[in-house]
Protein backbone atom coordinates (compact mmCIF):
# COMPACT_ATOMS: atom_id res chain seq x y z
CA MET A 1 26.00 -56.90 15.49
CA SER A 2 22.35 -57.78 16.07
CA ASN A 3 22.47 -56.40 19.62
CA ILE A 4 23.94 -53.12 18.40
CA PHE A 5 21.21 -52.85 15.76
CA ASP A 6 18.50 -53.60 18.34
CA ARG A 7 19.86 -51.01 20.75
CA GLY A 8 19.96 -48.49 17.92
CA GLN A 9 16.33 -49.14 17.09
CA ARG A 10 15.34 -48.80 20.75
CA PHE A 11 17.22 -45.51 20.95
CA ILE A 12 15.45 -44.17 17.87
CA LYS A 13 12.09 -45.22 19.29
CA LEU A 14 12.86 -43.37 22.50
CA ILE A 15 14.33 -40.20 21.02
CA LEU A 16 11.97 -39.75 18.03
CA PRO A 17 8.88 -38.88 20.10
CA LEU A 18 10.97 -36.38 22.08
CA MET A 19 12.16 -34.77 18.84
CA ILE A 20 8.59 -34.54 17.55
CA ILE A 21 7.36 -33.03 20.84
CA THR A 22 10.21 -30.51 20.82
CA ALA A 23 9.43 -29.48 17.24
CA VAL A 24 5.72 -29.14 17.98
CA CYS A 25 6.41 -27.10 21.11
CA ALA A 26 8.76 -24.81 19.19
CA THR A 27 6.09 -24.28 16.54
CA ILE A 28 3.47 -23.54 19.19
CA VAL A 29 5.77 -21.09 20.99
CA SER A 30 6.64 -19.36 17.70
CA ALA A 31 2.96 -19.09 16.76
CA GLY A 32 2.18 -17.81 20.24
CA ILE A 33 4.84 -15.10 19.97
CA ALA A 34 3.50 -14.06 16.56
CA LEU A 35 -0.08 -13.89 17.86
CA ALA A 36 1.06 -11.92 20.89
CA GLY A 37 2.85 -9.46 18.60
CA GLU A 38 -0.22 -9.05 16.40
CA GLU A 39 -2.50 -8.50 19.38
CA SER A 40 -0.12 -6.03 21.01
CA LEU A 41 0.22 -4.12 17.72
CA GLU A 42 -3.56 -3.98 17.29
CA ASN A 43 -3.96 -2.60 20.81
CA ARG A 44 -1.30 0.08 20.31
CA LEU A 45 -2.74 1.21 16.97
CA SER A 46 -6.25 1.33 18.43
CA ALA A 47 -4.98 3.39 21.35
CA TYR A 48 -3.23 5.66 18.84
CA GLY A 49 -6.62 6.42 17.31
CA LEU A 50 -7.01 4.11 14.33
CA ALA A 51 -10.48 2.56 13.95
CA GLU A 52 -11.40 -1.10 13.37
CA VAL A 53 -7.77 -2.16 13.29
CA SER A 54 -6.77 -5.64 12.13
CA VAL A 55 -3.24 -7.02 11.92
CA SER A 56 -2.01 -10.08 10.06
CA LEU A 57 1.49 -11.53 9.80
CA SER A 58 2.76 -13.52 6.82
CA GLY A 59 6.42 -14.49 6.92
CA ASN A 60 8.35 -11.26 7.45
CA GLU A 61 5.52 -9.00 6.23
CA VAL A 62 2.85 -7.34 8.36
CA THR A 63 -0.46 -6.03 7.04
CA VAL A 64 -2.25 -3.37 9.05
CA ALA A 65 -5.80 -2.54 7.98
CA TYR A 66 -8.08 0.11 9.45
CA THR A 67 -11.11 2.19 8.49
CA GLN A 68 -10.95 5.93 7.88
CA PRO A 69 -13.79 8.44 7.38
CA VAL A 70 -13.26 10.38 4.17
CA SER A 71 -14.21 13.57 6.00
CA GLU A 72 -11.13 13.36 8.24
CA ALA A 73 -8.69 15.29 6.09
CA SER A 74 -5.08 15.84 7.11
CA SER A 75 -2.02 17.63 5.79
CA LEU A 76 0.87 15.95 4.02
CA SER A 77 3.05 16.19 7.13
CA GLU A 78 0.33 14.84 9.41
CA GLN A 79 -0.41 11.93 7.10
CA LEU A 80 3.24 10.99 6.78
CA ALA A 81 3.59 11.17 10.56
CA LYS A 82 0.63 8.79 10.92
CA ILE A 83 2.18 6.31 8.48
CA ALA A 84 5.58 6.63 10.14
CA THR A 85 4.07 6.04 13.58
CA THR A 86 2.30 2.94 12.32
CA LEU A 87 5.56 1.64 10.85
CA SER A 88 7.43 2.39 14.08
CA PHE A 89 4.84 0.42 16.09
CA VAL A 90 5.36 -2.49 13.71
CA SER A 91 9.12 -2.22 14.27
CA GLU A 92 8.67 -2.40 18.04
CA GLU A 93 5.93 -5.03 18.30
CA VAL A 94 6.94 -7.30 15.39
CA PRO A 95 10.72 -6.78 15.10
CA GLU A 96 11.12 -9.59 12.57
CA ALA A 97 8.98 -7.71 10.02
CA VAL A 98 10.92 -6.16 7.12
CA LEU A 99 7.87 -4.77 5.27
CA ALA A 100 4.57 -3.31 6.43
CA ARG A 101 1.49 -2.87 4.28
CA VAL A 102 -0.93 -0.25 5.58
CA GLU A 103 -4.40 -0.66 4.07
CA GLN A 104 -6.78 2.27 4.55
CA TYR A 105 -10.47 1.39 4.06
CA PHE A 106 -12.45 4.57 3.50
CA ASP A 107 -16.13 4.98 4.17
CA ASP A 108 -16.81 5.74 0.49
CA GLY A 109 -15.65 2.25 -0.49
CA GLN A 110 -12.17 3.22 -1.68
CA ILE A 111 -9.04 1.39 -0.48
CA MET A 112 -5.47 2.68 -0.44
CA GLU A 113 -2.41 0.54 0.35
CA ILE A 114 0.83 2.17 1.52
CA SER A 115 3.87 -0.11 1.83
CA GLY A 116 7.11 0.71 3.58
CA LYS A 117 9.93 -0.54 5.76
CA PRO A 118 9.33 -0.26 9.51
CA SER A 119 12.89 1.04 9.88
CA ASP A 120 12.08 3.98 7.58
CA GLY A 121 9.20 4.99 9.84
CA VAL A 122 11.53 5.02 12.83
CA ALA A 123 14.18 6.99 10.90
CA PHE A 124 11.63 9.60 9.79
CA LEU A 125 10.27 10.13 13.30
CA ASN A 126 13.84 10.48 14.55
CA ARG A 127 14.48 13.06 11.78
CA GLN A 128 17.20 10.88 10.25
CA ILE A 129 15.54 11.10 6.80
CA SER A 130 13.62 13.96 5.22
CA GLU A 131 9.95 14.10 4.37
CA ASP A 132 10.73 13.77 0.66
CA ASP A 133 13.04 10.80 1.23
CA PHE A 134 10.48 9.08 3.44
CA MET A 135 7.70 9.56 0.91
CA GLY A 136 10.01 8.38 -1.86
CA ASN A 137 10.66 5.17 0.08
CA LEU A 138 6.94 4.46 0.41
CA GLU A 139 4.89 2.73 -2.26
CA PHE A 140 1.36 4.06 -2.77
CA THR A 141 -1.00 1.59 -4.42
CA PRO A 142 -4.67 2.53 -4.87
CA LEU A 143 -6.36 -0.89 -4.57
CA THR A 144 -9.57 0.62 -5.89
CA ARG A 145 -9.72 3.03 -8.79
CA GLY A 146 -11.15 6.04 -7.00
CA PRO A 147 -13.21 8.73 -8.71
CA LEU A 148 -11.58 10.67 -11.50
CA ILE A 149 -8.80 12.95 -10.28
CA MET A 150 -10.39 16.39 -10.53
CA PRO A 151 -9.93 19.76 -8.80
CA GLY A 152 -13.09 19.25 -6.72
CA GLU A 153 -14.80 16.22 -5.28
CA CYS A 154 -17.95 14.23 -5.96
CA GLU A 155 -20.61 14.69 -3.26
CA PRO A 156 -23.61 12.44 -4.01
CA ASP A 157 -25.21 13.40 -0.67
CA LEU A 158 -25.65 16.90 -2.11
CA GLY A 159 -27.36 15.60 -5.24
CA GLU A 160 -24.25 15.50 -7.43
CA ASN A 161 -23.92 12.74 -10.03
CA CYS A 162 -22.23 12.03 -13.34
CA GLU A 163 -24.77 14.16 -15.24
CA ASN A 164 -24.34 17.39 -13.28
CA CYS A 165 -20.85 17.15 -11.80
CA PRO A 166 -17.59 16.38 -13.65
CA GLU A 167 -16.01 15.07 -10.44
CA CYS A 168 -18.60 12.26 -10.41
CA GLY A 169 -17.46 10.94 -13.79
CA CYS A 170 -17.84 7.26 -14.65
CA TYR A 171 -15.09 4.73 -15.21
CA PRO A 172 -14.35 3.58 -18.80
CA ASN A 173 -16.34 0.38 -18.20
CA GLU A 174 -19.43 2.35 -17.08
CA ARG A 175 -22.07 4.59 -18.62
CA CYS A 176 -23.76 7.56 -17.02
CA ASP A 177 -27.44 6.91 -16.32
CA PRO A 178 -28.57 8.12 -12.88
CA ALA A 179 -32.16 7.02 -13.60
CA ASP A 180 -31.13 3.35 -13.97
CA PRO A 181 -32.00 1.31 -10.83
CA GLN A 182 -28.61 -0.41 -11.18
CA ALA A 183 -26.70 2.88 -11.04
CA ASN A 184 -24.25 3.48 -8.22
CA GLU A 185 -24.18 6.59 -6.05
CA ARG A 186 -22.38 8.52 -8.80
CA GLY A 187 -25.13 7.60 -11.27
CA CYS A 188 -22.94 5.19 -13.23
CA VAL A 189 -23.97 1.78 -14.53
CA GLU A 190 -21.41 -0.98 -15.00
CA LEU A 191 -21.07 -2.28 -18.57
CA SER A 192 -18.33 -4.88 -18.11
CA THR A 193 -16.27 -6.38 -15.29
CA PRO A 194 -12.60 -5.31 -15.26
CA GLU A 195 -10.22 -8.18 -16.00
CA ASN A 196 -8.19 -9.67 -13.13
CA ALA A 197 -10.28 -7.85 -10.52
CA HIS A 198 -12.85 -8.70 -7.87
CA LEU A 199 -15.42 -6.77 -5.87
CA GLU A 200 -14.74 -5.66 -2.30
CA GLY A 201 -17.88 -3.99 -1.09
CA SER A 202 -19.01 -1.71 -3.90
CA GLU A 203 -15.62 -1.23 -5.57
CA TYR A 204 -13.34 -3.38 -7.71
CA VAL A 205 -9.91 -4.36 -6.42
CA CYS A 206 -7.14 -5.93 -8.51
CA ASN A 207 -6.30 -9.56 -7.80
CA GLU A 208 -3.03 -10.39 -6.06
CA GLY A 209 -0.04 -9.53 -8.26
CA TYR A 210 -2.01 -7.08 -10.45
CA GLU A 211 -2.57 -3.33 -10.54
CA TRP A 212 -4.81 -0.94 -12.47
CA ASN A 213 -3.70 0.04 -15.95
CA SER A 214 -3.37 3.72 -16.84
CA ASP A 215 -6.92 4.06 -18.20
CA LEU A 216 -8.50 2.07 -15.32
CA THR A 217 -10.18 -0.45 -17.62
CA SER A 218 -8.51 -3.62 -16.30
CA CYS A 219 -5.82 -4.96 -14.00
CA VAL A 220 -2.40 -5.83 -15.42
CA PRO A 221 0.67 -7.51 -13.86
CA LYS A 222 2.38 -5.23 -11.34
CA LEU A 223 5.21 -3.11 -12.64
CA GLU A 224 8.36 -3.31 -10.51
CA CYS A 225 10.59 -0.22 -10.54
CA PRO A 226 14.36 -0.34 -9.95
CA PRO A 227 16.01 1.21 -6.86
CA ASN A 228 15.96 5.03 -6.71
CA ALA A 229 12.79 5.15 -8.80
CA PHE A 230 9.08 5.59 -8.17
CA LYS A 231 5.96 4.52 -10.02
CA PHE A 232 3.54 7.09 -11.40
CA GLN A 233 0.45 6.22 -13.48
CA GLY A 234 1.83 2.85 -14.58
CA GLU A 235 5.36 4.01 -15.43
CA CYS A 236 8.68 4.19 -13.56
CA TYR A 237 10.51 7.49 -13.07
CA CYS A 238 13.88 8.18 -11.43
CA ASN A 239 13.88 10.01 -8.11
CA SER A 240 15.14 13.56 -7.91
CA GLY A 241 18.92 13.54 -8.39
CA TYR A 242 18.89 10.39 -10.53
CA GLU A 243 18.56 9.60 -14.23
CA TRP A 244 18.21 6.49 -16.35
CA ASP A 245 21.41 4.74 -17.38
CA THR A 246 22.22 4.32 -21.08
CA GLU A 247 20.21 1.08 -21.21
CA GLY A 248 17.22 2.61 -19.51
CA LYS A 249 17.10 -0.08 -16.83
CA GLU A 250 18.60 1.51 -13.72
CA CYS A 251 18.49 4.94 -12.08
CA VAL A 252 21.98 6.34 -11.51
CA PRO A 253 23.15 9.62 -9.93
CA VAL A 254 22.78 12.64 -12.19
CA GLN A 255 25.99 13.70 -13.91
CA ASP A 256 27.08 17.30 -13.38
CA VAL A 257 25.62 19.71 -15.93
CA GLN A 258 27.58 22.83 -16.84
CA PRO A 259 25.79 26.18 -16.50
CA GLY A 260 23.89 27.00 -19.65
CA GLU A 261 23.77 23.38 -20.82
CA PRO A 262 20.35 21.76 -21.11
CA SER A 263 19.72 18.98 -18.63
CA SER A 264 18.22 15.73 -19.83
CA VAL A 265 16.97 14.96 -16.36
CA SER A 266 13.49 15.82 -15.17
CA GLY A 267 13.60 13.79 -11.99
CA GLU A 268 12.98 16.75 -9.70
CA SER A 269 10.01 18.04 -11.66
CA LEU A 270 8.65 14.52 -11.98
CA PHE A 271 8.98 14.02 -8.25
CA ASP A 272 7.09 17.27 -7.74
CA THR A 273 4.48 15.98 -10.18
CA PHE A 274 4.28 12.77 -8.19
CA LYS A 275 3.73 14.78 -5.01
CA GLY A 276 1.00 16.68 -6.81
CA PHE A 277 -0.52 13.39 -7.92
CA ILE A 278 -0.57 12.19 -4.34
CA ASP A 279 -1.97 15.56 -3.28
CA SER A 280 -4.86 15.13 -5.69
CA PHE A 281 -5.91 11.89 -4.00
CA ILE A 282 -7.52 14.17 -1.44
CA ASN A 283 -10.50 14.25 -3.81
CA TRP A 284 -11.34 10.63 -3.10
CA VAL A 285 -9.34 9.77 0.01
CA LYS A 286 -9.18 12.95 2.04
CA ALA A 287 -7.17 11.14 4.68
CA LEU A 288 -4.28 11.24 2.29
CA PHE A 289 -2.67 14.53 1.46
CA THR A 290 -4.12 18.01 1.21
């Protein structure tokens, strides 16, 4: 019995280092593949025309960040094509990714995050899903607050500020005082720091797991919408063709409405409103939709 035990111990001593080496090698190879995918994706996106591209991989999620001049405006279709192309590159270079976060850093300090499935980008480019469906599958999250959504835009370089231009309005936690040395380019002076937020450059960004509340005064826990719904100004709305169930928790297909009967569903008009809301972002991130 003692001999068997001794042989067992010797076997363990021999095989254990091999197991450790194998595990370490597998980890190194896996890390190497991930780094190669990130580098290849960065190169493709740079060649595509995106500036100052950085790519990071966390689990099965990829984050793509790049800078974008505010002056480079594009149409809705062109912008969606750019997002779809980015997602398709992620699908090809990092096939294990199930979600991509595209972070656009604009030269006015604003940051927009657009999240979507790489497979949706491929489907849109292959015309397997419509423009509306593709946009409905994306999640738009302004990481910074952006100037007030107005018909025009704030242009401090032309002498516009919060005193002489409504588009340069101040946030609720600011006061308008262009003469104050502490004023920002819009002429606004910060009165209090938004809760659950931190500065990135000159603008506040919500901490992880938080988003801006409807009046842009602080960051609150992120609201998660059910399937077939989209988020608009801090609330969830059903997509076109869907309505809330009797409990108000899920979006279900719209029931047929007889001619002449009033419909309780406003999904289509709300979706149009949402598109208009995204359209208005052109005032502070022209690279979004015109």
